[in-house]
């Protein structure tokens, strides 16, 4: 699997999980915040992989 498309795909999945969790609990603490952090990390790595040369 090519990580150049896998990491952005995972970032979207984590962002969806964060939105779903926030929608269920209406709290931006705990799991929703963790899913959003994972989305940001995987999105940043995906961006770096696609722009690293």
PDB file of N, CA and C in Angstrom:
ATOM      1  N   UNK A   1       0.828  -1.183   0.000  1.00  0.00           N
ATOM      2  CA  UNK A   1       0.000   0.000   0.000  1.00  0.00           C
ATOM      3  C   UNK A   1       0.873   1.248   0.000  1.00  0.00           C
ATOM      4  N   UNK A   2       0.480   2.187  -0.774  1.00  0.00           N
ATOM      5  CA  UNK A   2       1.218   3.435  -0.883  1.00  0.00           C
ATOM      6  C   UNK A   2       0.788   4.388   0.229  1.00  0.00           C
ATOM      7  N   UNK A   3       1.693   4.762   1.124  1.00  0.00           N
ATOM      8  CA  UNK A   3       1.318   5.638   2.236  1.00  0.00           C
ATOM      9  C   UNK A   3       0.937   7.049   1.793  1.00  0.00           C
ATOM     10  N   UNK A   4       1.292   7.424   0.561  1.00  0.00           N
ATOM     11  CA  UNK A   4       0.934   8.763   0.087  1.00  0.00           C
ATOM     12  C   UNK A   4      -0.574   8.939  -0.041  1.00  0.00           C
ATOM     13  N   UNK A   5      -1.320   7.864  -0.277  1.00  0.00           N
ATOM     14  CA  UNK A   5      -2.776   7.985  -0.299  1.00  0.00           C
ATOM     15  C   UNK A   5      -3.411   7.354   0.939  1.00  0.00           C
ATOM     16  N   UNK A   6      -2.680   6.469   1.614  1.00  0.00           N
ATOM     17  CA  UNK A   6      -3.237   5.814   2.793  1.00  0.00           C
ATOM     18  C   UNK A   6      -3.339   6.772   3.983  1.00  0.00           C
ATOM     19  N   UNK A   7      -2.318   7.587   4.217  1.00  0.00           N
ATOM     20  CA  UNK A   7      -2.337   8.486   5.366  1.00  0.00           C
ATOM     21  C   UNK A   7      -3.442   9.537   5.259  1.00  0.00           C
ATOM     22  N   UNK A   8      -3.656  10.180   4.111  1.00  0.00           N
ATOM     23  CA  UNK A   8      -4.796  11.108   4.026  1.00  0.00           C
ATOM     24  C   UNK A   8      -6.143  10.398   4.192  1.00  0.00           C
ATOM     25  N   UNK A   9      -6.242   9.187   3.708  1.00  0.00           N
ATOM     26  CA  UNK A   9      -7.479   8.423   3.876  1.00  0.00           C
ATOM     27  C   UNK A   9      -7.734   8.121   5.350  1.00  0.00           C
ATOM     28  N   UNK A  10      -6.696   7.729   6.067  1.00  0.00           N
ATOM     29  CA  UNK A  10      -6.827   7.500   7.502  1.00  0.00           C
ATOM     30  C   UNK A  10      -7.169   8.794   8.242  1.00  0.00           C
ATOM     31  N   UNK A  11      -6.599   9.906   7.811  1.00  0.00           N
ATOM     32  CA  UNK A  11      -6.901  11.197   8.437  1.00  0.00           C
ATOM     33  C   UNK A  11      -8.384  11.529   8.297  1.00  0.00           C
ATOM     34  N   UNK A  12      -8.941  11.275   7.138  1.00  0.00           N
ATOM     35  CA  UNK A  12     -10.370  11.519   6.934  1.00  0.00           C
ATOM     36  C   UNK A  12     -11.193  10.601   7.826  1.00  0.00           C
ATOM     37  N   UNK A  13     -10.795   9.350   7.918  1.00  0.00           N
ATOM     38  CA  UNK A  13     -11.505   8.407   8.784  1.00  0.00           C
ATOM     39  C   UNK A  13     -11.470   8.836  10.242  1.00  0.00           C
ATOM     40  N   UNK A  14     -10.320   9.297  10.717  1.00  0.00           N
ATOM     41  CA  UNK A  14     -10.212   9.769  12.092  1.00  0.00           C
ATOM     42  C   UNK A  14     -11.042  11.037  12.305  1.00  0.00           C
ATOM     43  N   UNK A  15     -11.082  11.907  11.310  1.00  0.00           N
ATOM     44  CA  UNK A  15     -11.893  13.121  11.424  1.00  0.00           C
ATOM     45  C   UNK A  15     -13.377  12.785  11.501  1.00  0.00           C
ATOM     46  N   UNK A  16     -13.797  11.807  10.729  1.00  0.00           N
ATOM     47  CA  UNK A  16     -15.191  11.360  10.790  1.00  0.00           C
ATOM     48  C   UNK A  16     -15.494  10.766  12.163  1.00  0.00           C
ATOM     49  N   UNK A  17     -14.566   9.984  12.695  1.00  0.00           N
ATOM     50  CA  UNK A  17     -14.752   9.405  14.029  1.00  0.00           C
ATOM     51  C   UNK A  17     -14.844  10.506  15.082  1.00  0.00           C
ATOM     52  N   UNK A  18     -14.038  11.552  14.962  1.00  0.00           N
ATOM     53  CA  UNK A  18     -14.091  12.664  15.916  1.00  0.00           C
ATOM     54  C   UNK A  18     -15.432  13.381  15.843  1.00  0.00           C
ATOM     55  N   UNK A  19     -15.889  13.637  14.623  1.00  0.00           N
ATOM     56  CA  UNK A  19     -17.183  14.315  14.459  1.00  0.00           C
ATOM     57  C   UNK A  19     -18.322  13.455  14.991  1.00  0.00           C
ATOM     58  N   UNK A  20     -18.262  12.172  14.726  1.00  0.00           N
ATOM     59  CA  UNK A  20     -19.304  11.259  15.209  1.00  0.00           C
ATOM     60  C   UNK A  20     -19.318  11.223  16.732  1.00  0.00           C
ATOM     61  N   UNK A  21     -18.140  11.124  17.330  1.00  0.00           N
ATOM     62  CA  UNK A  21     -18.055  11.068  18.788  1.00  0.00           C
ATOM     63  C   UNK A  21     -18.523  12.371  19.420  1.00  0.00           C
ATOM     64  N   UNK A  22     -18.129  13.510  18.830  1.00  0.00           N
ATOM     65  CA  UNK A  22     -18.573  14.798  19.349  1.00  0.00           C
ATOM     66  C   UNK A  22     -20.087  14.932  19.214  1.00  0.00           C
ATOM     67  N   UNK A  23     -20.641  14.464  18.099  1.00  0.00           N
ATOM     68  CA  UNK A  23     -22.078  14.544  17.884  1.00  0.00           C
ATOM     69  C   UNK A  23     -22.837  13.693  18.901  1.00  0.00           C
ATOM     70  N   UNK A  24     -22.276  12.560  19.297  1.00  0.00           N
ATOM     71  CA  UNK A  24     -22.913  11.691  20.287  1.00  0.00           C
ATOM     72  C   UNK A  24     -22.868  12.268  21.685  1.00  0.00           C
ATOM     73  N   UNK A  25     -21.731  12.837  22.073  1.00  0.00           N
ATOM     74  CA  UNK A  25     -21.553  13.272  23.460  1.00  0.00           C
ATOM     75  C   UNK A  25     -21.687  14.776  23.648  1.00  0.00           C
ATOM     76  N   UNK A  26     -21.517  15.559  22.594  1.00  0.00           N
ATOM     77  CA  UNK A  26     -21.505  17.025  22.652  1.00  0.00           C
ATOM     78  C   UNK A  26     -20.439  17.547  23.603  1.00  0.00           C
ATOM     79  N   UNK A  27     -19.360  16.787  23.722  1.00  0.00           N
ATOM     80  CA  UNK A  27     -18.227  17.209  24.533  1.00  0.00           C
ATOM     81  C   UNK A  27     -16.970  17.141  23.680  1.00  0.00           C
ATOM     82  N   UNK A  28     -16.126  18.145  23.836  1.00  0.00           N
ATOM     83  CA  UNK A  28     -14.884  18.176  23.070  1.00  0.00           C
ATOM     84  C   UNK A  28     -13.721  17.687  23.914  1.00  0.00           C
ATOM     85  N   UNK A  29     -13.983  16.782  24.818  1.00  0.00           N
ATOM     86  CA  UNK A  29     -12.956  16.209  25.674  1.00  0.00           C
ATOM     87  C   UNK A  29     -12.896  14.718  25.426  1.00  0.00           C
ATOM     88  N   UNK A  30     -11.800  14.140  25.838  1.00  0.00           N
ATOM     89  CA  UNK A  30     -11.678  12.696  25.784  1.00  0.00           C
ATOM     90  C   UNK A  30     -11.529  12.159  24.375  1.00  0.00           C
ATOM     91  N   UNK A  31     -12.424  11.254  24.018  1.00  0.00           N
ATOM     92  CA  UNK A  31     -12.292  10.520  22.761  1.00  0.00           C
ATOM     93  C   UNK A  31     -12.382  11.422  21.533  1.00  0.00           C
ATOM     94  N   UNK A  32     -13.298  12.374  21.525  1.00  0.00           N
ATOM     95  CA  UNK A  32     -13.440  13.253  20.357  1.00  0.00           C
ATOM     96  C   UNK A  32     -12.159  14.043  20.107  1.00  0.00           C
ATOM     97  N   UNK A  33     -11.567  14.522  21.169  1.00  0.00           N
ATOM     98  CA  UNK A  33     -10.325  15.289  21.036  1.00  0.00           C
ATOM     99  C   UNK A  33      -9.181  14.389  20.571  1.00  0.00           C
ATOM    100  N   UNK A  34      -9.155  13.168  21.060  1.00  0.00           N
ATOM    101  CA  UNK A  34      -8.110  12.223  20.662  1.00  0.00           C
ATOM    102  C   UNK A  34      -8.247  11.858  19.191  1.00  0.00           C
ATOM    103  N   UNK A  35      -9.473  11.597  18.737  1.00  0.00           N
ATOM    104  CA  UNK A  35      -9.685  11.285  17.312  1.00  0.00           C
ATOM    105  C   UNK A  35      -9.278  12.464  16.438  1.00  0.00           C
ATOM    106  N   UNK A  36      -9.607  13.674  16.866  1.00  0.00           N
ATOM    107  CA  UNK A  36      -9.230  14.860  16.092  1.00  0.00           C
ATOM    108  C   UNK A  36      -7.714  15.035  16.046  1.00  0.00           C
ATOM    109  N   UNK A  37      -7.045  14.764  17.159  1.00  0.00           N
ATOM    110  CA  UNK A  37      -5.590  14.831  17.176  1.00  0.00           C
ATOM    111  C   UNK A  37      -4.983  13.807  16.224  1.00  0.00           C
ATOM    112  N   UNK A  38      -5.519  12.605  16.226  1.00  0.00           N
ATOM    113  CA  UNK A  38      -5.034  11.571  15.299  1.00  0.00           C
ATOM    114  C   UNK A  38      -5.254  11.998  13.855  1.00  0.00           C
ATOM    115  N   UNK A  39      -6.402  12.610  13.574  1.00  0.00           N
ATOM    116  CA  UNK A  39      -6.674  13.101  12.216  1.00  0.00           C
ATOM    117  C   UNK A  39      -5.649  14.152  11.808  1.00  0.00           C
ATOM    118  N   UNK A  40      -5.331  15.056  12.732  1.00  0.00           N
ATOM    119  CA  UNK A  40      -4.350  16.102  12.427  1.00  0.00           C
ATOM    120  C   UNK A  40      -2.963  15.513  12.184  1.00  0.00           C
ATOM    121  N   UNK A  41      -2.575  14.551  12.994  1.00  0.00           N
ATOM    122  CA  UNK A  41      -1.254  13.933  12.842  1.00  0.00           C
ATOM    123  C   UNK A  41      -1.154  13.194  11.514  1.00  0.00           C
ATOM    124  N   UNK A  42      -2.147  12.364  11.226  1.00  0.00           N
ATOM    125  CA  UNK A  42      -2.102  11.603   9.977  1.00  0.00           C
ATOM    126  C   UNK A  42      -2.233  12.530   8.765  1.00  0.00           C
ATOM    127  N   UNK A  43      -3.014  13.598   8.894  1.00  0.00           N
ATOM    128  CA  UNK A  43      -3.109  14.571   7.809  1.00  0.00           C
ATOM    129  C   UNK A  43      -1.786  15.274   7.562  1.00  0.00           C
ATOM    130  N   UNK A  44      -1.090  15.636   8.632  1.00  0.00           N
ATOM    131  CA  UNK A  44       0.208  16.302   8.490  1.00  0.00           C
ATOM    132  C   UNK A  44       1.236  15.375   7.865  1.00  0.00           C
ATOM    133  N   UNK A  45       1.253  14.122   8.301  1.00  0.00           N
ATOM    134  CA  UNK A  45       2.199  13.156   7.727  1.00  0.00           C
ATOM    135  C   UNK A  45       1.856  12.901   6.255  1.00  0.00           C
ATOM    136  N   UNK A  46       0.572  12.792   5.958  1.00  0.00           N
ATOM    137  CA  UNK A  46       0.158  12.611   4.555  1.00  0.00           C
ATOM    138  C   UNK A  46       0.561  13.785   3.688  1.00  0.00           C
ATOM    139  N   UNK A  47       0.403  14.992   4.208  1.00  0.00           N
ATOM    140  CA  UNK A  47       0.816  16.179   3.466  1.00  0.00           C
ATOM    141  C   UNK A  47       2.325  16.169   3.244  1.00  0.00           C
ATOM    142  N   UNK A  48       3.056  15.817   4.300  1.00  0.00           N
ATOM    143  CA  UNK A  48       4.515  15.764   4.197  1.00  0.00           C
ATOM    144  C   UNK A  48       4.962  14.732   3.172  1.00  0.00           C
ATOM    145  N   UNK A  49       4.340  13.565   3.187  1.00  0.00           N
ATOM    146  CA  UNK A  49       4.721  12.517   2.226  1.00  0.00           C
ATOM    147  C   UNK A  49       4.455  12.950   0.783  1.00  0.00           C
ATOM    148  N   UNK A  50       3.374  13.659   0.563  1.00  0.00           N
ATOM    149  CA  UNK A  50       3.028  14.090  -0.797  1.00  0.00           C
ATOM    150  C   UNK A  50       3.857  15.267  -1.271  1.00  0.00           C
ATOM    151  N   UNK A  51       4.479  15.997  -0.341  1.00  0.00           N
ATOM    152  CA  UNK A  51       5.254  17.177  -0.723  1.00  0.00           C
ATOM    153  C   UNK A  51       6.731  17.028  -0.417  1.00  0.00           C
ATOM    154  N   UNK A  52       7.200  15.839  -0.109  1.00  0.00           N
ATOM    155  CA  UNK A  52       8.584  15.655   0.310  1.00  0.00           C
ATOM    156  C   UNK A  52       9.520  15.311  -0.846  1.00  0.00           C
ATOM    157  N   UNK A  53       9.136  15.586  -2.011  1.00  0.00           N
ATOM    158  CA  UNK A  53      10.090  15.362  -3.084  1.00  0.00           C
ATOM    159  C   UNK A  53       9.617  14.379  -4.047  1.00  0.00           C
TER     160      UNK A  53
END
